[in-house]
Amino acid sequence: MSESVKSGTSGMSVAAAFAGMRSVAPVVFRAGCPDCRGRFELAASALRLAIGASSRTTFYSFTCPECGAAVRKPAGERIVELLTGGGVRTLRLHSTL
């Protein structure tokens, strides 16, 4: 696509539309620890998502920054969508038949 391409409705060039987009704010996720009851925000790099064959084997995990506990929580469809969209590293679990 050329920078001189203009939208038919607004007359704005592609270059002008993206001129203010220099950097993207990092995505953070709110989480809580069931052990110490701490509430905090985590960067995508602090979370891991495992997608299994069922809802019982699909979960996300992180280490609590307050008490150091390893936390594992179930991840439904909406949580999976949010985490993958936010850049969380994903592991797809395969069953061995």
N, C-alpha and C. Protein backbone atom coordinates (compact mmCIF):
# COMPACT_ATOMS: atom_id res chain seq x y z
N MET A 1 0.83 -1.16 0.00
CA MET A 1 0.00 0.00 0.00
C MET A 1 0.88 1.23 0.00
N SER A 2 0.54 2.19 -0.74
CA SER A 2 1.29 3.44 -0.84
C SER A 2 0.85 4.42 0.23
N GLU A 3 1.77 5.26 0.69
CA GLU A 3 1.43 6.26 1.69
C GLU A 3 0.48 7.32 1.14
N SER A 4 0.38 7.42 -0.17
CA SER A 4 -0.47 8.45 -0.75
C SER A 4 -1.90 7.97 -0.96
N VAL A 5 -2.19 6.72 -0.62
CA VAL A 5 -3.54 6.19 -0.76
C VAL A 5 -4.45 6.93 0.20
N LYS A 6 -5.61 7.34 -0.28
CA LYS A 6 -6.55 8.08 0.55
C LYS A 6 -7.83 7.31 0.72
N SER A 7 -8.41 7.44 1.89
CA SER A 7 -9.70 6.82 2.15
C SER A 7 -10.77 7.58 1.40
N GLY A 8 -11.75 6.86 0.88
CA GLY A 8 -12.81 7.50 0.12
C GLY A 8 -13.73 8.36 0.96
N THR A 9 -13.78 8.13 2.27
CA THR A 9 -14.72 8.87 3.09
C THR A 9 -14.11 10.06 3.80
N SER A 10 -12.87 9.97 4.24
CA SER A 10 -12.32 11.07 5.03
C SER A 10 -11.28 11.90 4.30
N GLY A 11 -10.72 11.39 3.22
CA GLY A 11 -9.69 12.13 2.50
C GLY A 11 -8.36 12.18 3.23
N MET A 12 -8.18 11.35 4.25
CA MET A 12 -6.95 11.33 5.02
C MET A 12 -5.98 10.32 4.42
N SER A 13 -4.72 10.69 4.32
CA SER A 13 -3.73 9.75 3.78
C SER A 13 -3.38 8.72 4.85
N VAL A 14 -2.85 7.59 4.41
CA VAL A 14 -2.42 6.54 5.33
C VAL A 14 -1.33 7.08 6.25
N ALA A 15 -0.41 7.85 5.70
CA ALA A 15 0.68 8.41 6.50
C ALA A 15 0.14 9.31 7.60
N ALA A 16 -0.87 10.12 7.29
CA ALA A 16 -1.45 11.00 8.30
C ALA A 16 -2.21 10.19 9.36
N ALA A 17 -2.89 9.14 8.95
CA ALA A 17 -3.65 8.32 9.88
C ALA A 17 -2.76 7.63 10.90
N PHE A 18 -1.57 7.22 10.49
CA PHE A 18 -0.65 6.51 11.38
C PHE A 18 0.44 7.40 11.95
N ALA A 19 0.41 8.69 11.69
CA ALA A 19 1.47 9.60 12.11
C ALA A 19 1.67 9.62 13.62
N GLY A 20 0.60 9.53 14.39
CA GLY A 20 0.73 9.59 15.84
C GLY A 20 1.04 8.27 16.49
N MET A 21 1.10 7.19 15.74
CA MET A 21 1.32 5.86 16.31
C MET A 21 2.81 5.53 16.31
N ARG A 22 3.48 5.97 17.33
CA ARG A 22 4.92 5.73 17.41
C ARG A 22 5.25 4.51 18.26
N SER A 23 4.51 4.30 19.32
CA SER A 23 4.77 3.14 20.17
C SER A 23 3.46 2.65 20.76
N VAL A 24 3.47 1.41 21.19
CA VAL A 24 2.29 0.80 21.77
C VAL A 24 2.55 0.58 23.25
N ALA A 25 1.60 0.96 24.08
CA ALA A 25 1.74 0.75 25.53
C ALA A 25 1.73 -0.75 25.81
N PRO A 26 2.57 -1.20 26.73
CA PRO A 26 2.59 -2.62 27.05
C PRO A 26 1.26 -3.05 27.66
N VAL A 27 0.86 -4.27 27.37
CA VAL A 27 -0.37 -4.83 27.91
C VAL A 27 -0.09 -5.35 29.31
N VAL A 28 -0.97 -5.04 30.24
CA VAL A 28 -0.86 -5.58 31.59
C VAL A 28 -2.17 -6.27 31.95
N PHE A 29 -2.06 -7.29 32.76
CA PHE A 29 -3.21 -8.07 33.18
C PHE A 29 -3.33 -7.99 34.69
N ARG A 30 -4.54 -7.83 35.19
CA ARG A 30 -4.79 -7.86 36.63
C ARG A 30 -4.92 -9.30 37.07
N ALA A 31 -4.30 -9.60 38.20
CA ALA A 31 -4.34 -10.97 38.72
C ALA A 31 -4.36 -10.93 40.23
N GLY A 32 -4.66 -12.07 40.81
CA GLY A 32 -4.65 -12.20 42.25
C GLY A 32 -4.08 -13.53 42.66
N CYS A 33 -3.50 -13.56 43.83
CA CYS A 33 -2.89 -14.78 44.36
C CYS A 33 -3.83 -15.41 45.39
N PRO A 34 -4.18 -16.67 45.21
CA PRO A 34 -5.06 -17.33 46.18
C PRO A 34 -4.35 -17.62 47.52
N ASP A 35 -3.02 -17.63 47.52
CA ASP A 35 -2.28 -17.93 48.75
C ASP A 35 -2.19 -16.72 49.67
N CYS A 36 -1.65 -15.60 49.17
CA CYS A 36 -1.45 -14.42 50.01
C CYS A 36 -2.54 -13.37 49.83
N ARG A 37 -3.45 -13.61 48.89
CA ARG A 37 -4.56 -12.70 48.58
C ARG A 37 -4.09 -11.37 47.99
N GLY A 38 -2.86 -11.34 47.52
CA GLY A 38 -2.33 -10.13 46.89
C GLY A 38 -3.02 -9.86 45.55
N ARG A 39 -3.18 -8.60 45.21
CA ARG A 39 -3.75 -8.17 43.93
C ARG A 39 -2.68 -7.32 43.25
N PHE A 40 -2.46 -7.56 41.96
CA PHE A 40 -1.38 -6.89 41.26
C PHE A 40 -1.61 -6.93 39.77
N GLU A 41 -0.75 -6.26 39.03
CA GLU A 41 -0.77 -6.28 37.56
C GLU A 41 0.48 -6.99 37.07
N LEU A 42 0.30 -7.79 36.03
CA LEU A 42 1.42 -8.55 35.45
C LEU A 42 1.55 -8.22 33.97
N ALA A 43 2.77 -8.16 33.51
CA ALA A 43 3.02 -8.01 32.07
C ALA A 43 2.76 -9.35 31.39
N ALA A 44 2.52 -9.30 30.10
CA ALA A 44 2.27 -10.52 29.33
C ALA A 44 3.41 -11.53 29.50
N SER A 45 4.63 -11.03 29.62
CA SER A 45 5.79 -11.92 29.75
C SER A 45 5.81 -12.69 31.08
N ALA A 46 5.02 -12.26 32.06
CA ALA A 46 4.99 -12.94 33.37
C ALA A 46 3.97 -14.06 33.41
N LEU A 47 3.17 -14.20 32.36
CA LEU A 47 2.11 -15.21 32.32
C LEU A 47 2.43 -16.28 31.29
N ARG A 48 1.90 -17.48 31.52
CA ARG A 48 1.98 -18.58 30.56
C ARG A 48 0.58 -19.14 30.39
N LEU A 49 0.22 -19.50 29.17
CA LEU A 49 -1.08 -20.06 28.88
C LEU A 49 -0.89 -21.45 28.29
N ALA A 50 -1.58 -22.43 28.83
CA ALA A 50 -1.55 -23.80 28.30
C ALA A 50 -2.94 -24.13 27.79
N ILE A 51 -3.04 -24.50 26.54
CA ILE A 51 -4.33 -24.84 25.94
C ILE A 51 -4.38 -26.34 25.72
N GLY A 52 -5.30 -26.99 26.42
CA GLY A 52 -5.45 -28.43 26.32
C GLY A 52 -6.67 -28.81 25.51
N ALA A 53 -6.98 -30.08 25.52
CA ALA A 53 -8.11 -30.61 24.75
C ALA A 53 -9.45 -30.31 25.41
N SER A 54 -9.45 -29.94 26.68
CA SER A 54 -10.70 -29.67 27.38
C SER A 54 -10.53 -28.46 28.29
N SER A 55 -11.63 -28.03 28.89
CA SER A 55 -11.56 -26.91 29.81
C SER A 55 -10.74 -27.26 31.06
N ARG A 56 -10.71 -28.54 31.42
CA ARG A 56 -9.92 -28.97 32.58
C ARG A 56 -8.42 -28.89 32.33
N THR A 57 -8.01 -28.94 31.10
CA THR A 57 -6.58 -28.90 30.77
C THR A 57 -6.16 -27.59 30.12
N THR A 58 -7.01 -26.58 30.19
CA THR A 58 -6.67 -25.25 29.67
C THR A 58 -6.56 -24.31 30.86
N PHE A 59 -5.37 -23.71 31.05
CA PHE A 59 -5.13 -22.88 32.22
C PHE A 59 -4.04 -21.86 31.93
N TYR A 60 -3.94 -20.88 32.81
CA TYR A 60 -2.82 -19.94 32.75
C TYR A 60 -2.10 -20.00 34.08
N SER A 61 -0.84 -19.62 34.07
CA SER A 61 -0.06 -19.70 35.29
C SER A 61 0.90 -18.52 35.38
N PHE A 62 1.31 -18.23 36.61
CA PHE A 62 2.26 -17.16 36.88
C PHE A 62 2.83 -17.38 38.27
N THR A 63 3.88 -16.66 38.58
CA THR A 63 4.45 -16.67 39.92
C THR A 63 4.03 -15.39 40.61
N CYS A 64 3.49 -15.52 41.80
CA CYS A 64 3.04 -14.35 42.55
C CYS A 64 4.24 -13.46 42.87
N PRO A 65 4.17 -12.20 42.48
CA PRO A 65 5.31 -11.30 42.76
C PRO A 65 5.40 -10.92 44.24
N GLU A 66 4.35 -11.18 45.02
CA GLU A 66 4.36 -10.80 46.43
C GLU A 66 4.85 -11.91 47.34
N CYS A 67 4.41 -13.16 47.10
CA CYS A 67 4.81 -14.26 48.00
C CYS A 67 5.62 -15.35 47.30
N GLY A 68 5.73 -15.30 45.97
CA GLY A 68 6.52 -16.27 45.22
C GLY A 68 5.82 -17.58 44.93
N ALA A 69 4.53 -17.69 45.26
CA ALA A 69 3.79 -18.93 45.02
C ALA A 69 3.56 -19.14 43.52
N ALA A 70 3.61 -20.39 43.10
CA ALA A 70 3.26 -20.76 41.73
C ALA A 70 1.74 -20.84 41.67
N VAL A 71 1.13 -20.04 40.79
CA VAL A 71 -0.33 -19.96 40.70
C VAL A 71 -0.78 -20.52 39.36
N ARG A 72 -1.81 -21.34 39.41
CA ARG A 72 -2.39 -21.93 38.19
C ARG A 72 -3.90 -21.75 38.28
N LYS A 73 -4.48 -21.14 37.23
CA LYS A 73 -5.92 -20.87 37.23
C LYS A 73 -6.53 -21.35 35.92
N PRO A 74 -7.79 -21.80 35.95
CA PRO A 74 -8.45 -22.25 34.72
C PRO A 74 -8.66 -21.07 33.77
N ALA A 75 -8.64 -21.36 32.48
CA ALA A 75 -8.84 -20.32 31.47
C ALA A 75 -9.95 -20.74 30.52
N GLY A 76 -11.06 -20.04 30.61
CA GLY A 76 -12.17 -20.26 29.69
C GLY A 76 -11.87 -19.59 28.35
N GLU A 77 -12.83 -19.67 27.45
CA GLU A 77 -12.64 -19.14 26.10
C GLU A 77 -12.29 -17.65 26.10
N ARG A 78 -12.99 -16.86 26.91
CA ARG A 78 -12.74 -15.41 26.93
C ARG A 78 -11.35 -15.10 27.48
N ILE A 79 -10.92 -15.79 28.52
CA ILE A 79 -9.58 -15.59 29.08
C ILE A 79 -8.53 -15.96 28.05
N VAL A 80 -8.71 -17.08 27.36
CA VAL A 80 -7.77 -17.49 26.32
C VAL A 80 -7.67 -16.40 25.25
N GLU A 81 -8.80 -15.87 24.83
CA GLU A 81 -8.83 -14.82 23.82
C GLU A 81 -8.07 -13.57 24.29
N LEU A 82 -8.31 -13.15 25.52
CA LEU A 82 -7.64 -11.97 26.06
C LEU A 82 -6.13 -12.18 26.20
N LEU A 83 -5.75 -13.32 26.72
CA LEU A 83 -4.32 -13.58 26.94
C LEU A 83 -3.56 -13.71 25.62
N THR A 84 -4.11 -14.45 24.67
CA THR A 84 -3.41 -14.59 23.39
C THR A 84 -3.37 -13.26 22.66
N GLY A 85 -4.45 -12.49 22.72
CA GLY A 85 -4.47 -11.17 22.09
C GLY A 85 -3.50 -10.20 22.73
N GLY A 86 -3.19 -10.42 24.01
CA GLY A 86 -2.27 -9.55 24.73
C GLY A 86 -0.82 -9.99 24.66
N GLY A 87 -0.55 -11.04 23.90
CA GLY A 87 0.84 -11.46 23.70
C GLY A 87 1.39 -12.45 24.69
N VAL A 88 0.54 -13.10 25.47
CA VAL A 88 1.01 -14.11 26.43
C VAL A 88 1.48 -15.34 25.67
N ARG A 89 2.64 -15.86 26.06
CA ARG A 89 3.17 -17.07 25.42
C ARG A 89 2.25 -18.25 25.68
N THR A 90 2.01 -19.02 24.62
CA THR A 90 1.03 -20.10 24.68
C THR A 90 1.67 -21.44 24.37
N LEU A 91 1.28 -22.45 25.13
CA LEU A 91 1.72 -23.82 24.91
C LEU A 91 0.47 -24.62 24.59
N ARG A 92 0.47 -25.30 23.47
CA ARG A 92 -0.67 -26.15 23.10
C ARG A 92 -0.35 -27.58 23.52
N LEU A 93 -1.20 -28.11 24.39
CA LEU A 93 -1.01 -29.46 24.89
C LEU A 93 -1.71 -30.45 23.97
N HIS A 94 -1.02 -31.52 23.62
CA HIS A 94 -1.59 -32.53 22.73
C HIS A 94 -1.75 -33.82 23.52
N SER A 95 -2.88 -34.48 23.31
CA SER A 95 -3.09 -35.76 23.99
C SER A 95 -2.33 -36.86 23.25
N THR A 96 -1.89 -37.84 23.98
CA THR A 96 -1.21 -38.98 23.37
C THR A 96 -2.18 -40.13 23.32
N LEU A 97 -2.54 -40.54 22.14
CA LEU A 97 -3.49 -41.65 21.96
C LEU A 97 -2.78 -42.89 21.50
